[in-house]
Amino acid sequence: MTTSASRPTDDAVTAEGSVTDRLVESNARYADAFTDPGMDARPVLRVAVVACMDARLDLHAALGLELGDCHTIRNAGGVVTDDVIRSLTISQRALGTRSVVLIHHSGCGLEGLSEDFRNDLELEVGQRPTWAVEGFRDVDQDVRQSIEKVRTSPFLLHTDDVRGFVFDVKTGRLREITPR
């Protein structure tokens, strides 16, 4: 597995330029070799994957997915927020997905984080965030809650194939969580 973990992380600006500069340069090389795959926005496998934004999760590799196979929706914790429901609704109603896969993971940064984070942020910047932290103590229970939020959303057409998993960041294995 190739990672960038050995690269310096102290500063976003190096002698070679910013991280963003490096990304833009990489895109130029990518675009030079790019060929239009001739697909539209509808995922081939008709599945939407909701997962944590954690950089250790390479979802396409872990799930054997190729470009165009799925919609991928990521945020801190893989939390099923109103915006995730919005994305899933568009994914299903406008772009044909039928299945939802929820992936949380071991060692998540939200584990043990509380709403005190919001309170501290408000004290620091002088404005209360409008969003909830959505921290948790039990990853399995958090997956169950996410499954329930998707299954009970009135906006989603297809809630019969909603499954949740915990990805182990040490082994790369998925462990399915059974809803109650």
N, C-alpha and C. Protein backbone atom coordinates (compact mmCIF):
# COMPACT_ATOMS: atom_id res chain seq x y z
N MET A 1 0.84 -1.17 0.00
CA MET A 1 0.00 0.00 0.00
C MET A 1 0.89 1.23 0.00
N THR A 2 0.55 2.20 -0.83
CA THR A 2 1.28 3.44 -0.89
C THR A 2 0.58 4.48 -0.02
N THR A 3 1.35 5.14 0.83
CA THR A 3 0.78 6.21 1.64
C THR A 3 1.71 7.41 1.59
N SER A 4 1.19 8.52 2.02
CA SER A 4 2.01 9.72 2.10
C SER A 4 2.37 10.02 3.54
N ALA A 5 2.23 9.03 4.43
CA ALA A 5 2.47 9.24 5.85
C ALA A 5 3.89 9.67 6.15
N SER A 6 4.84 9.37 5.28
CA SER A 6 6.23 9.73 5.55
C SER A 6 6.55 11.16 5.09
N ARG A 7 5.62 11.79 4.40
CA ARG A 7 5.84 13.16 3.95
C ARG A 7 5.68 14.12 5.13
N PRO A 8 6.37 15.25 5.10
CA PRO A 8 6.23 16.23 6.18
C PRO A 8 4.79 16.72 6.32
N THR A 9 4.34 16.86 7.56
CA THR A 9 2.98 17.32 7.80
C THR A 9 2.92 18.56 8.67
N ASP A 10 4.09 19.11 9.02
CA ASP A 10 4.11 20.24 9.94
C ASP A 10 3.50 21.50 9.34
N ASP A 11 3.61 21.68 8.07
CA ASP A 11 3.21 22.93 7.47
C ASP A 11 2.61 22.66 6.10
N ALA A 12 1.59 23.42 5.75
CA ALA A 12 0.96 23.26 4.44
C ALA A 12 1.77 23.93 3.34
N VAL A 13 2.81 24.69 3.71
CA VAL A 13 3.65 25.35 2.72
C VAL A 13 5.08 24.86 2.90
N THR A 14 5.67 24.38 1.81
CA THR A 14 7.04 23.90 1.85
C THR A 14 7.87 24.71 0.85
N ALA A 15 9.13 24.37 0.73
CA ALA A 15 9.98 25.04 -0.25
C ALA A 15 9.47 24.82 -1.67
N GLU A 16 8.76 23.71 -1.89
CA GLU A 16 8.23 23.39 -3.21
C GLU A 16 6.87 24.06 -3.46
N GLY A 17 6.33 24.76 -2.49
CA GLY A 17 5.02 25.38 -2.62
C GLY A 17 4.03 24.77 -1.63
N SER A 18 2.78 25.16 -1.76
CA SER A 18 1.76 24.67 -0.84
C SER A 18 1.29 23.28 -1.24
N VAL A 19 0.61 22.64 -0.34
CA VAL A 19 0.01 21.34 -0.64
C VAL A 19 -0.96 21.48 -1.80
N THR A 20 -1.71 22.57 -1.81
CA THR A 20 -2.65 22.79 -2.90
C THR A 20 -1.92 22.93 -4.23
N ASP A 21 -0.77 23.61 -4.22
CA ASP A 21 0.03 23.69 -5.45
C ASP A 21 0.41 22.30 -5.94
N ARG A 22 0.81 21.44 -5.01
CA ARG A 22 1.18 20.06 -5.37
C ARG A 22 -0.01 19.32 -5.97
N LEU A 23 -1.18 19.52 -5.40
CA LEU A 23 -2.38 18.85 -5.91
C LEU A 23 -2.73 19.34 -7.31
N VAL A 24 -2.61 20.64 -7.53
CA VAL A 24 -2.91 21.21 -8.85
C VAL A 24 -1.92 20.69 -9.88
N GLU A 25 -0.67 20.58 -9.51
CA GLU A 25 0.34 20.03 -10.43
C GLU A 25 0.04 18.56 -10.74
N SER A 26 -0.37 17.82 -9.73
CA SER A 26 -0.74 16.42 -9.96
C SER A 26 -1.93 16.33 -10.90
N ASN A 27 -2.88 17.24 -10.74
CA ASN A 27 -4.04 17.23 -11.62
C ASN A 27 -3.64 17.51 -13.06
N ALA A 28 -2.69 18.39 -13.26
CA ALA A 28 -2.25 18.69 -14.63
C ALA A 28 -1.69 17.43 -15.29
N ARG A 29 -0.90 16.66 -14.56
CA ARG A 29 -0.36 15.40 -15.10
C ARG A 29 -1.49 14.41 -15.36
N TYR A 30 -2.45 14.33 -14.44
CA TYR A 30 -3.61 13.45 -14.59
C TYR A 30 -4.40 13.83 -15.84
N ALA A 31 -4.67 15.12 -15.98
CA ALA A 31 -5.48 15.60 -17.11
C ALA A 31 -4.79 15.35 -18.45
N ASP A 32 -3.46 15.42 -18.46
CA ASP A 32 -2.73 15.16 -19.71
C ASP A 32 -2.97 13.74 -20.22
N ALA A 33 -3.16 12.80 -19.31
CA ALA A 33 -3.38 11.41 -19.70
C ALA A 33 -4.85 11.00 -19.63
N PHE A 34 -5.72 11.92 -19.28
CA PHE A 34 -7.13 11.62 -19.05
C PHE A 34 -7.86 11.31 -20.34
N THR A 35 -8.71 10.29 -20.28
CA THR A 35 -9.61 9.95 -21.37
C THR A 35 -11.01 9.90 -20.79
N ASP A 36 -11.94 10.58 -21.42
CA ASP A 36 -13.33 10.58 -20.96
C ASP A 36 -13.85 9.15 -20.92
N PRO A 37 -14.27 8.68 -19.73
CA PRO A 37 -14.75 7.30 -19.64
C PRO A 37 -16.14 7.10 -20.25
N GLY A 38 -16.80 8.18 -20.66
CA GLY A 38 -18.08 8.06 -21.35
C GLY A 38 -19.23 7.62 -20.47
N MET A 39 -19.17 7.96 -19.20
CA MET A 39 -20.26 7.57 -18.31
C MET A 39 -21.00 8.81 -17.83
N ASP A 40 -22.20 8.59 -17.28
CA ASP A 40 -22.93 9.72 -16.71
C ASP A 40 -22.87 9.63 -15.19
N ALA A 41 -23.67 10.43 -14.51
CA ALA A 41 -23.59 10.55 -13.05
C ALA A 41 -24.28 9.40 -12.30
N ARG A 42 -24.97 8.53 -13.00
CA ARG A 42 -25.65 7.41 -12.34
C ARG A 42 -24.66 6.29 -12.05
N PRO A 43 -24.54 5.89 -10.79
CA PRO A 43 -23.58 4.83 -10.46
C PRO A 43 -24.00 3.48 -11.03
N VAL A 44 -23.04 2.80 -11.59
CA VAL A 44 -23.26 1.51 -12.24
C VAL A 44 -23.88 0.49 -11.29
N LEU A 45 -23.39 0.44 -10.05
CA LEU A 45 -23.87 -0.55 -9.09
C LEU A 45 -25.11 -0.08 -8.33
N ARG A 46 -25.58 1.11 -8.60
CA ARG A 46 -26.78 1.67 -7.98
C ARG A 46 -26.68 1.65 -6.45
N VAL A 47 -25.52 2.02 -5.94
CA VAL A 47 -25.28 2.04 -4.50
C VAL A 47 -24.67 3.39 -4.09
N ALA A 48 -25.05 3.85 -2.91
CA ALA A 48 -24.44 5.03 -2.31
C ALA A 48 -23.74 4.58 -1.03
N VAL A 49 -22.51 5.00 -0.85
CA VAL A 49 -21.72 4.67 0.33
C VAL A 49 -21.55 5.93 1.16
N VAL A 50 -21.95 5.85 2.43
CA VAL A 50 -21.77 6.96 3.37
C VAL A 50 -20.68 6.53 4.34
N ALA A 51 -19.62 7.32 4.43
CA ALA A 51 -18.48 6.93 5.26
C ALA A 51 -17.83 8.13 5.91
N CYS A 52 -16.97 7.83 6.85
CA CYS A 52 -16.19 8.86 7.52
C CYS A 52 -15.15 9.42 6.55
N MET A 53 -14.76 10.66 6.80
CA MET A 53 -13.76 11.32 5.95
C MET A 53 -12.34 10.90 6.30
N ASP A 54 -12.16 10.05 7.30
CA ASP A 54 -10.84 9.66 7.77
C ASP A 54 -9.95 9.25 6.60
N ALA A 55 -8.75 9.80 6.58
CA ALA A 55 -7.81 9.58 5.47
C ALA A 55 -7.31 8.14 5.39
N ARG A 56 -7.53 7.35 6.43
CA ARG A 56 -7.08 5.95 6.41
C ARG A 56 -8.04 5.03 5.65
N LEU A 57 -9.20 5.53 5.27
CA LEU A 57 -10.19 4.71 4.58
C LEU A 57 -10.10 4.94 3.07
N ASP A 58 -9.56 3.97 2.37
CA ASP A 58 -9.52 3.99 0.91
C ASP A 58 -10.71 3.15 0.45
N LEU A 59 -11.86 3.78 0.37
CA LEU A 59 -13.10 3.05 0.14
C LEU A 59 -13.12 2.25 -1.16
N HIS A 60 -12.66 2.84 -2.23
CA HIS A 60 -12.69 2.11 -3.49
C HIS A 60 -11.84 0.84 -3.41
N ALA A 61 -10.66 0.94 -2.85
CA ALA A 61 -9.80 -0.24 -2.72
C ALA A 61 -10.41 -1.25 -1.75
N ALA A 62 -10.90 -0.78 -0.62
CA ALA A 62 -11.43 -1.68 0.41
C ALA A 62 -12.68 -2.42 -0.05
N LEU A 63 -13.45 -1.81 -0.94
CA LEU A 63 -14.71 -2.41 -1.39
C LEU A 63 -14.63 -2.97 -2.80
N GLY A 64 -13.47 -2.88 -3.43
CA GLY A 64 -13.32 -3.39 -4.79
C GLY A 64 -14.11 -2.59 -5.81
N LEU A 65 -14.20 -1.29 -5.61
CA LEU A 65 -14.98 -0.43 -6.49
C LEU A 65 -14.11 0.23 -7.55
N GLU A 66 -14.72 0.49 -8.69
CA GLU A 66 -14.07 1.19 -9.78
C GLU A 66 -14.77 2.53 -9.98
N LEU A 67 -14.13 3.41 -10.73
CA LEU A 67 -14.71 4.70 -11.07
C LEU A 67 -16.10 4.48 -11.68
N GLY A 68 -17.08 5.19 -11.17
CA GLY A 68 -18.43 5.09 -11.70
C GLY A 68 -19.32 4.07 -11.02
N ASP A 69 -18.77 3.28 -10.10
CA ASP A 69 -19.56 2.23 -9.45
C ASP A 69 -20.56 2.76 -8.43
N CYS A 70 -20.19 3.82 -7.69
CA CYS A 70 -21.02 4.25 -6.56
C CYS A 70 -20.99 5.75 -6.38
N HIS A 71 -21.92 6.23 -5.59
CA HIS A 71 -21.84 7.58 -5.05
C HIS A 71 -21.17 7.44 -3.69
N THR A 72 -20.26 8.34 -3.39
CA THR A 72 -19.56 8.33 -2.11
C THR A 72 -19.84 9.63 -1.39
N ILE A 73 -20.38 9.52 -0.19
CA ILE A 73 -20.72 10.68 0.64
C ILE A 73 -19.90 10.55 1.92
N ARG A 74 -19.06 11.55 2.18
CA ARG A 74 -18.17 11.46 3.35
C ARG A 74 -18.27 12.71 4.20
N ASN A 75 -18.16 12.49 5.51
CA ASN A 75 -18.07 13.60 6.46
C ASN A 75 -17.42 13.08 7.73
N ALA A 76 -17.20 13.94 8.68
CA ALA A 76 -16.59 13.53 9.95
C ALA A 76 -17.50 12.52 10.64
N GLY A 77 -17.01 11.31 10.80
CA GLY A 77 -17.76 10.25 11.47
C GLY A 77 -18.71 9.46 10.60
N GLY A 78 -18.89 9.86 9.35
CA GLY A 78 -19.88 9.18 8.52
C GLY A 78 -21.28 9.39 9.06
N VAL A 79 -21.49 10.53 9.70
CA VAL A 79 -22.75 10.83 10.38
C VAL A 79 -23.86 11.07 9.37
N VAL A 80 -25.04 10.50 9.64
CA VAL A 80 -26.20 10.72 8.79
C VAL A 80 -26.86 12.02 9.23
N THR A 81 -26.41 13.11 8.63
CA THR A 81 -26.93 14.45 8.91
C THR A 81 -28.02 14.78 7.90
N ASP A 82 -28.63 15.95 8.06
CA ASP A 82 -29.62 16.41 7.07
C ASP A 82 -28.98 16.50 5.68
N ASP A 83 -27.71 16.92 5.62
CA ASP A 83 -27.07 17.03 4.32
C ASP A 83 -26.80 15.66 3.69
N VAL A 84 -26.53 14.66 4.51
CA VAL A 84 -26.36 13.30 3.98
C VAL A 84 -27.70 12.80 3.45
N ILE A 85 -28.78 13.04 4.18
CA ILE A 85 -30.11 12.65 3.69
C ILE A 85 -30.41 13.38 2.38
N ARG A 86 -30.03 14.66 2.28
CA ARG A 86 -30.19 15.42 1.04
C ARG A 86 -29.45 14.72 -0.10
N SER A 87 -28.19 14.38 0.13
CA SER A 87 -27.40 13.73 -0.92
C SER A 87 -27.97 12.36 -1.29
N LEU A 88 -28.37 11.59 -0.29
CA LEU A 88 -28.97 10.28 -0.57
C LEU A 88 -30.28 10.42 -1.33
N THR A 89 -31.07 11.42 -1.01
CA THR A 89 -32.34 11.64 -1.70
C THR A 89 -32.10 11.95 -3.18
N ILE A 90 -31.14 12.81 -3.45
CA ILE A 90 -30.80 13.12 -4.85
C ILE A 90 -30.22 11.88 -5.53
N SER A 91 -29.37 11.16 -4.81
CA SER A 91 -28.77 9.94 -5.35
C SER A 91 -29.84 8.93 -5.76
N GLN A 92 -30.85 8.76 -4.92
CA GLN A 92 -31.91 7.79 -5.22
C GLN A 92 -32.92 8.32 -6.24
N ARG A 93 -33.47 9.48 -5.96
CA ARG A 93 -34.59 9.98 -6.76
C ARG A 93 -34.18 10.50 -8.14
N ALA A 94 -32.98 11.07 -8.25
CA ALA A 94 -32.56 11.64 -9.53
C ALA A 94 -31.55 10.77 -10.27
N LEU A 95 -30.82 9.91 -9.52
CA LEU A 95 -29.70 9.20 -10.15
C LEU A 95 -29.74 7.69 -9.98
N GLY A 96 -30.85 7.16 -9.46
CA GLY A 96 -31.11 5.73 -9.57
C GLY A 96 -30.50 4.78 -8.56
N THR A 97 -29.91 5.27 -7.48
CA THR A 97 -29.35 4.30 -6.52
C THR A 97 -30.47 3.61 -5.75
N ARG A 98 -30.19 2.41 -5.31
CA ARG A 98 -31.18 1.59 -4.60
C ARG A 98 -30.66 1.08 -3.26
N SER A 99 -29.36 1.02 -3.10
CA SER A 99 -28.76 0.47 -1.87
C SER A 99 -27.95 1.55 -1.17
N VAL A 100 -27.88 1.43 0.16
CA VAL A 100 -27.07 2.35 0.97
C VAL A 100 -26.17 1.51 1.86
N VAL A 101 -24.88 1.82 1.82
CA VAL A 101 -23.88 1.18 2.68
C VAL A 101 -23.30 2.26 3.58
N LEU A 102 -23.37 2.02 4.89
CA LEU A 102 -22.84 2.95 5.88
C LEU A 102 -21.57 2.37 6.46
N ILE A 103 -20.48 3.16 6.45
CA ILE A 103 -19.21 2.65 6.97
C ILE A 103 -18.64 3.62 8.00
N HIS A 104 -18.59 3.17 9.23
CA HIS A 104 -17.89 3.88 10.30
C HIS A 104 -16.59 3.10 10.50
N HIS A 105 -15.77 3.49 11.47
CA HIS A 105 -14.49 2.78 11.61
C HIS A 105 -13.96 2.82 13.03
N SER A 106 -13.04 1.93 13.30
CA SER A 106 -12.37 1.90 14.60
C SER A 106 -11.47 3.12 14.72
N GLY A 107 -11.24 3.56 15.94
CA GLY A 107 -10.32 4.67 16.17
C GLY A 107 -10.77 5.98 15.58
N CYS A 108 -12.07 6.22 15.49
CA CYS A 108 -12.60 7.45 14.90
C CYS A 108 -12.35 8.64 15.83
N GLY A 109 -12.04 9.77 15.23
CA GLY A 109 -11.81 10.99 16.00
C GLY A 109 -13.04 11.51 16.71
N LEU A 110 -14.23 11.08 16.28
CA LEU A 110 -15.46 11.51 16.96
C LEU A 110 -15.75 10.69 18.21
N GLU A 111 -15.08 9.54 18.32
CA GLU A 111 -15.33 8.70 19.49
C GLU A 111 -14.87 9.42 20.75
N GLY A 112 -15.81 9.64 21.65
CA GLY A 112 -15.52 10.32 22.90
C GLY A 112 -15.60 11.83 22.83
N LEU A 113 -15.75 12.39 21.62
CA LEU A 113 -15.88 13.83 21.48
C LEU A 113 -17.29 14.24 21.87
N SER A 114 -17.43 15.32 22.61
CA SER A 114 -18.75 15.73 23.08
C SER A 114 -19.12 17.10 22.54
N GLU A 115 -20.31 17.54 22.91
CA GLU A 115 -20.76 18.86 22.50
C GLU A 115 -19.94 19.96 23.17
N ASP A 116 -19.11 19.61 24.14
CA ASP A 116 -18.18 20.60 24.72
C ASP A 116 -17.30 21.20 23.62
N PHE A 117 -17.04 20.43 22.57
CA PHE A 117 -16.26 20.92 21.44
C PHE A 117 -16.92 22.17 20.85
N ARG A 118 -18.24 22.11 20.68
CA ARG A 118 -19.00 23.27 20.16
C ARG A 118 -18.94 24.44 21.12
N ASN A 119 -19.10 24.13 22.41
CA ASN A 119 -19.06 25.19 23.41
C ASN A 119 -17.71 25.88 23.42
N ASP A 120 -16.64 25.10 23.37
CA ASP A 120 -15.29 25.67 23.35
C ASP A 120 -15.07 26.50 22.09
N LEU A 121 -15.59 26.02 20.97
CA LEU A 121 -15.45 26.74 19.71
C LEU A 121 -16.19 28.07 19.78
N GLU A 122 -17.36 28.06 20.38
CA GLU A 122 -18.12 29.30 20.54
C GLU A 122 -17.34 30.31 21.39
N LEU A 123 -16.75 29.84 22.46
CA LEU A 123 -15.95 30.73 23.31
C LEU A 123 -14.75 31.29 22.55
N GLU A 124 -14.16 30.47 21.71
CA GLU A 124 -12.97 30.89 20.97
C GLU A 124 -13.29 31.91 19.87
N VAL A 125 -14.35 31.66 19.10
CA VAL A 125 -14.60 32.50 17.92
C VAL A 125 -15.76 33.48 18.10
N GLY A 126 -16.53 33.32 19.17
CA GLY A 126 -17.62 34.25 19.43
C GLY A 126 -18.91 33.95 18.70
N GLN A 127 -19.00 32.78 18.09
CA GLN A 127 -20.22 32.39 17.38
C GLN A 127 -20.45 30.90 17.59
N ARG A 128 -21.69 30.53 17.91
CA ARG A 128 -22.01 29.12 18.14
C ARG A 128 -22.24 28.43 16.80
N PRO A 129 -21.56 27.31 16.57
CA PRO A 129 -21.80 26.56 15.33
C PRO A 129 -23.26 26.10 15.25
N THR A 130 -23.81 26.10 14.05
CA THR A 130 -25.19 25.65 13.87
C THR A 130 -25.29 24.13 13.79
N TRP A 131 -24.15 23.47 13.64
CA TRP A 131 -24.13 22.01 13.48
C TRP A 131 -23.80 21.33 14.81
N ALA A 132 -24.24 20.09 14.92
CA ALA A 132 -23.93 19.27 16.09
C ALA A 132 -22.63 18.51 15.84
N VAL A 133 -21.90 18.23 16.89
CA VAL A 133 -20.65 17.48 16.78
C VAL A 133 -20.94 16.03 16.39
N GLU A 134 -21.97 15.44 16.97
CA GLU A 134 -22.36 14.05 16.71
C GLU A 134 -21.30 13.05 17.18
N GLY A 135 -20.63 13.39 18.27
CA GLY A 135 -19.68 12.45 18.85
C GLY A 135 -20.41 11.23 19.42
N PHE A 136 -19.66 10.19 19.72
CA PHE A 136 -20.27 8.95 20.22
C PHE A 136 -19.28 8.21 21.12
N ARG A 137 -19.80 7.24 21.86
CA ARG A 137 -18.95 6.40 22.71
C ARG A 137 -18.87 4.96 22.22
N ASP A 138 -19.90 4.53 21.52
CA ASP A 138 -20.00 3.14 21.07
C ASP A 138 -20.21 3.14 19.55
N VAL A 139 -19.18 2.75 18.80
CA VAL A 139 -19.25 2.81 17.34
C VAL A 139 -20.35 1.91 16.80
N ASP A 140 -20.56 0.74 17.39
CA ASP A 140 -21.62 -0.15 16.92
C ASP A 140 -22.99 0.51 17.06
N GLN A 141 -23.24 1.13 18.20
CA GLN A 141 -24.52 1.80 18.43
C GLN A 141 -24.68 2.98 17.48
N ASP A 142 -23.58 3.66 17.19
CA ASP A 142 -23.65 4.79 16.27
C ASP A 142 -24.03 4.31 14.86
N VAL A 143 -23.51 3.17 14.45
CA VAL A 143 -23.89 2.60 13.15
C VAL A 143 -25.38 2.24 13.17
N ARG A 144 -25.84 1.62 14.26
CA ARG A 144 -27.27 1.27 14.36
C ARG A 144 -28.15 2.52 14.23
N GLN A 145 -27.74 3.58 14.90
CA GLN A 145 -28.49 4.83 14.83
C GLN A 145 -28.50 5.37 13.40
N SER A 146 -27.39 5.28 12.71
CA SER A 146 -27.30 5.74 11.33
C SER A 146 -28.21 4.93 10.42
N ILE A 147 -28.22 3.62 10.60
CA ILE A 147 -29.11 2.75 9.81
C ILE A 147 -30.56 3.19 10.02
N GLU A 148 -30.92 3.41 11.26
CA GLU A 148 -32.30 3.80 11.59
C GLU A 148 -32.66 5.15 10.96
N LYS A 149 -31.74 6.10 11.00
CA LYS A 149 -32.01 7.42 10.39
C LYS A 149 -32.28 7.28 8.89
N VAL A 150 -31.51 6.45 8.21
CA VAL A 150 -31.72 6.26 6.78
C VAL A 150 -33.04 5.52 6.54
N ARG A 151 -33.26 4.45 7.28
CA ARG A 151 -34.47 3.64 7.06
C ARG A 151 -35.77 4.38 7.33
N THR A 152 -35.72 5.39 8.20
CA THR A 152 -36.95 6.10 8.56
C THR A 152 -37.11 7.44 7.87
N SER A 153 -36.19 7.81 7.00
CA SER A 153 -36.30 9.09 6.31
C SER A 153 -37.47 9.05 5.33
N PRO A 154 -38.38 10.03 5.41
CA PRO A 154 -39.51 10.07 4.48
C PRO A 154 -39.10 10.46 3.06
N PHE A 155 -37.88 10.97 2.90
CA PHE A 155 -37.44 11.46 1.60
C PHE A 155 -36.84 10.36 0.72
N LEU A 156 -36.45 9.27 1.34
CA LEU A 156 -35.77 8.19 0.60
C LEU A 156 -36.79 7.17 0.10
N LEU A 157 -36.64 6.79 -1.15
CA LEU A 157 -37.55 5.81 -1.76
C LEU A 157 -37.17 4.38 -1.43
N HIS A 158 -35.87 4.12 -1.27
CA HIS A 158 -35.38 2.76 -1.14
C HIS A 158 -34.64 2.60 0.19
N THR A 159 -35.32 2.00 1.15
CA THR A 159 -34.73 1.84 2.48
C THR A 159 -34.67 0.38 2.93
N ASP A 160 -34.94 -0.53 1.99
CA ASP A 160 -34.93 -1.95 2.34
C ASP A 160 -33.52 -2.54 2.28
N ASP A 161 -32.61 -1.94 1.53
CA ASP A 161 -31.24 -2.45 1.44
C ASP A 161 -30.28 -1.39 2.00
N VAL A 162 -30.34 -1.24 3.33
CA VAL A 162 -29.47 -0.32 4.07
C VAL A 162 -28.69 -1.18 5.05
N ARG A 163 -27.37 -1.19 4.90
CA ARG A 163 -26.54 -2.01 5.78
C ARG A 163 -25.39 -1.17 6.32
N GLY A 164 -24.99 -1.50 7.57
CA GLY A 164 -23.95 -0.73 8.22
C GLY A 164 -22.79 -1.59 8.66
N PHE A 165 -21.59 -0.99 8.65
CA PHE A 165 -20.36 -1.72 8.94
C PHE A 165 -19.40 -0.85 9.75
N VAL A 166 -18.50 -1.54 10.44
CA VAL A 166 -17.36 -0.88 11.07
C VAL A 166 -16.12 -1.39 10.36
N PHE A 167 -15.33 -0.47 9.83
CA PHE A 167 -14.07 -0.79 9.17
C PHE A 167 -12.97 -0.76 10.22
N ASP A 168 -12.20 -1.83 10.32
CA ASP A 168 -11.08 -1.89 11.25
C ASP A 168 -9.86 -1.29 10.58
N VAL A 169 -9.37 -0.16 11.10
CA VAL A 169 -8.25 0.53 10.45
C VAL A 169 -6.93 -0.22 10.60
N LYS A 170 -6.87 -1.22 11.48
CA LYS A 170 -5.65 -2.01 11.65
C LYS A 170 -5.61 -3.23 10.72
N THR A 171 -6.80 -3.80 10.41
CA THR A 171 -6.83 -5.01 9.59
C THR A 171 -7.41 -4.79 8.20
N GLY A 172 -8.16 -3.69 8.01
CA GLY A 172 -8.81 -3.44 6.73
C GLY A 172 -10.11 -4.19 6.55
N ARG A 173 -10.55 -4.92 7.56
CA ARG A 173 -11.77 -5.73 7.44
C ARG A 173 -13.01 -4.97 7.87
N LEU A 174 -14.12 -5.28 7.19
CA LEU A 174 -15.42 -4.76 7.57
C LEU A 174 -16.09 -5.74 8.52
N ARG A 175 -16.78 -5.19 9.52
CA ARG A 175 -17.59 -6.01 10.43
C ARG A 175 -19.01 -5.46 10.35
N GLU A 176 -19.93 -6.32 9.93
CA GLU A 176 -21.31 -5.86 9.78
C GLU A 176 -21.98 -5.69 11.14
N ILE A 177 -22.78 -4.63 11.23
CA ILE A 177 -23.53 -4.33 12.44
C ILE A 177 -25.00 -4.65 12.18
N THR A 178 -25.56 -5.48 13.02
CA THR A 178 -26.96 -5.86 12.89
C THR A 178 -27.82 -4.85 13.61
N PRO A 179 -28.82 -4.28 12.91
CA PRO A 179 -29.72 -3.34 13.60
C PRO A 179 -30.57 -4.07 14.62
N ARG A 180 -31.03 -3.33 15.58
CA ARG A 180 -31.89 -3.96 16.62
C ARG A 180 -33.32 -3.91 16.24
